[in-house]
């Protein structure tokens, strides 16, 4: 089903590669109605947290395309130098 304008669709999986307590409990991807894609990282509420704390809290980070190499600078010809 296509996304309605303004909607964001996401999917999360258990983070099987979690090595530190600060690493996300669940990870996944998201896509908005404009086709922009995001990484999703989220953490579950700890057992000793405030009872009013959210059950899951996380972040959406835009996926970036691989950075393109900077264009090479054109060498100036000697006759272009003003001295």
C-alpha atoms as a PDB file:
ATOM      1  CA  UNK A   1       0.000   0.000   0.000  1.00  0.00           C
ATOM      2  CA  UNK A   2       1.480   3.411  -0.934  1.00  0.00           C
ATOM      3  CA  UNK A   3       2.257   5.853   1.850  1.00  0.00           C
ATOM      4  CA  UNK A   4      -0.055   8.794   2.348  1.00  0.00           C
ATOM      5  CA  UNK A   5       1.537  12.243   2.248  1.00  0.00           C
ATOM      6  CA  UNK A   6       3.393  12.918   5.492  1.00  0.00           C
ATOM      7  CA  UNK A   7       3.554   9.256   6.557  1.00  0.00           C
ATOM      8  CA  UNK A   8       6.754   7.413   7.460  1.00  0.00           C
ATOM      9  CA  UNK A   9       6.900   3.625   7.204  1.00  0.00           C
ATOM     10  CA  UNK A  10       9.476   1.761   9.319  1.00  0.00           C
ATOM     11  CA  UNK A  11      10.546  -1.743  10.281  1.00  0.00           C
ATOM     12  CA  UNK A  12      12.630  -2.765  13.306  1.00  0.00           C
ATOM     13  CA  UNK A  13      14.647  -5.873  14.147  1.00  0.00           C
ATOM     14  CA  UNK A  14      16.442  -6.978  17.291  1.00  0.00           C
ATOM     15  CA  UNK A  15      20.058  -5.779  17.227  1.00  0.00           C
ATOM     16  CA  UNK A  16      21.957  -9.090  17.264  1.00  0.00           C
ATOM     17  CA  UNK A  17      25.254  -7.197  17.020  1.00  0.00           C
ATOM     18  CA  UNK A  18      24.806  -5.205  20.238  1.00  0.00           C
ATOM     19  CA  UNK A  19      28.171  -5.244  22.014  1.00  0.00           C
ATOM     20  CA  UNK A  20      27.787  -2.382  24.499  1.00  0.00           C
ATOM     21  CA  UNK A  21      24.939  -1.202  26.679  1.00  0.00           C
ATOM     22  CA  UNK A  22      24.868   2.074  24.734  1.00  0.00           C
ATOM     23  CA  UNK A  23      24.191   0.300  21.417  1.00  0.00           C
ATOM     24  CA  UNK A  24      20.584   0.297  20.190  1.00  0.00           C
ATOM     25  CA  UNK A  25      18.315  -2.586  21.261  1.00  0.00           C
ATOM     26  CA  UNK A  26      16.517  -2.554  17.911  1.00  0.00           C
ATOM     27  CA  UNK A  27      17.572  -1.264  14.494  1.00  0.00           C
ATOM     28  CA  UNK A  28      15.920  -0.852  11.148  1.00  0.00           C
ATOM     29  CA  UNK A  29      15.018   1.395   8.271  1.00  0.00           C
ATOM     30  CA  UNK A  30      12.325   3.927   7.455  1.00  0.00           C
ATOM     31  CA  UNK A  31      11.044   5.643   4.329  1.00  0.00           C
ATOM     32  CA  UNK A  32       8.867   8.727   4.085  1.00  0.00           C
ATOM     33  CA  UNK A  33       6.190   9.561   1.515  1.00  0.00           C
ATOM     34  CA  UNK A  34       8.743  11.594  -0.493  1.00  0.00           C
ATOM     35  CA  UNK A  35      11.010   8.542  -0.848  1.00  0.00           C
ATOM     36  CA  UNK A  36      13.663   9.727   1.632  1.00  0.00           C
ATOM     37  CA  UNK A  37      15.245   6.833   3.539  1.00  0.00           C
ATOM     38  CA  UNK A  38      16.408   6.748   7.159  1.00  0.00           C
ATOM     39  CA  UNK A  39      18.272   4.495   9.576  1.00  0.00           C
ATOM     40  CA  UNK A  40      16.288   3.761  12.759  1.00  0.00           C
ATOM     41  CA  UNK A  41      17.966   3.090  16.122  1.00  0.00           C
ATOM     42  CA  UNK A  42      15.875   2.601  19.255  1.00  0.00           C
ATOM     43  CA  UNK A  43      16.293   1.618  22.890  1.00  0.00           C
ATOM     44  CA  UNK A  44      13.861  -0.169  25.218  1.00  0.00           C
ATOM     45  CA  UNK A  45      12.954   1.308  28.593  1.00  0.00           C
ATOM     46  CA  UNK A  46      15.229  -0.022  31.327  1.00  0.00           C
ATOM     47  CA  UNK A  47      13.552  -1.892  34.220  1.00  0.00           C
ATOM     48  CA  UNK A  48      14.555   0.827  36.719  1.00  0.00           C
ATOM     49  CA  UNK A  49      13.301   3.718  34.545  1.00  0.00           C
ATOM     50  CA  UNK A  50      10.540   6.102  35.537  1.00  0.00           C
ATOM     51  CA  UNK A  51       7.169   4.334  35.060  1.00  0.00           C
ATOM     52  CA  UNK A  52       6.057   7.253  32.855  1.00  0.00           C
ATOM     53  CA  UNK A  53       9.085   6.901  30.533  1.00  0.00           C
ATOM     54  CA  UNK A  54       8.421   5.789  26.940  1.00  0.00           C
ATOM     55  CA  UNK A  55       8.541   2.040  26.293  1.00  0.00           C
ATOM     56  CA  UNK A  56      10.830   2.611  23.277  1.00  0.00           C
ATOM     57  CA  UNK A  57      12.727   5.765  22.321  1.00  0.00           C
ATOM     58  CA  UNK A  58      14.852   6.234  19.230  1.00  0.00           C
ATOM     59  CA  UNK A  59      16.208   8.266  16.381  1.00  0.00           C
ATOM     60  CA  UNK A  60      15.786   8.533  12.634  1.00  0.00           C
ATOM     61  CA  UNK A  61      19.003   9.416  10.803  1.00  0.00           C
ATOM     62  CA  UNK A  62      18.901  10.231   7.089  1.00  0.00           C
ATOM     63  CA  UNK A  63      20.681   7.672   4.935  1.00  0.00           C
ATOM     64  CA  UNK A  64      23.436   9.393   3.014  1.00  0.00           C
ATOM     65  CA  UNK A  65      24.617   8.487  -0.448  1.00  0.00           C
ATOM     66  CA  UNK A  66      28.275   7.622  -0.688  1.00  0.00           C
ATOM     67  CA  UNK A  67      30.215  10.877  -0.756  1.00  0.00           C
ATOM     68  CA  UNK A  68      31.368  11.743  -4.214  1.00  0.00           C
ATOM     69  CA  UNK A  69      35.004  12.544  -4.808  1.00  0.00           C
ATOM     70  CA  UNK A  70      35.710  16.256  -5.009  1.00  0.00           C
ATOM     71  CA  UNK A  71      36.404  17.389  -8.544  1.00  0.00           C
ATOM     72  CA  UNK A  72      40.072  17.880  -9.297  1.00  0.00           C
ATOM     73  CA  UNK A  73      41.167  21.498  -9.346  1.00  0.00           C
ATOM     74  CA  UNK A  74      42.038  22.740 -12.787  1.00  0.00           C
ATOM     75  CA  UNK A  75      45.648  23.794 -13.121  1.00  0.00           C
ATOM     76  CA  UNK A  76      46.132  27.350 -14.238  1.00  0.00           C
ATOM     77  CA  UNK A  77      48.231  27.923 -17.270  1.00  0.00           C
ATOM     78  CA  UNK A  78      51.304  30.086 -16.646  1.00  0.00           C
ATOM     79  CA  UNK A  79      49.936  32.790 -18.942  1.00  0.00           C
ATOM     80  CA  UNK A  80      46.865  33.179 -16.652  1.00  0.00           C
ATOM     81  CA  UNK A  81      49.033  34.287 -13.713  1.00  0.00           C
ATOM     82  CA  UNK A  82      49.027  38.118 -13.513  1.00  0.00           C
ATOM     83  CA  UNK A  83      52.768  38.545 -12.750  1.00  0.00           C
END
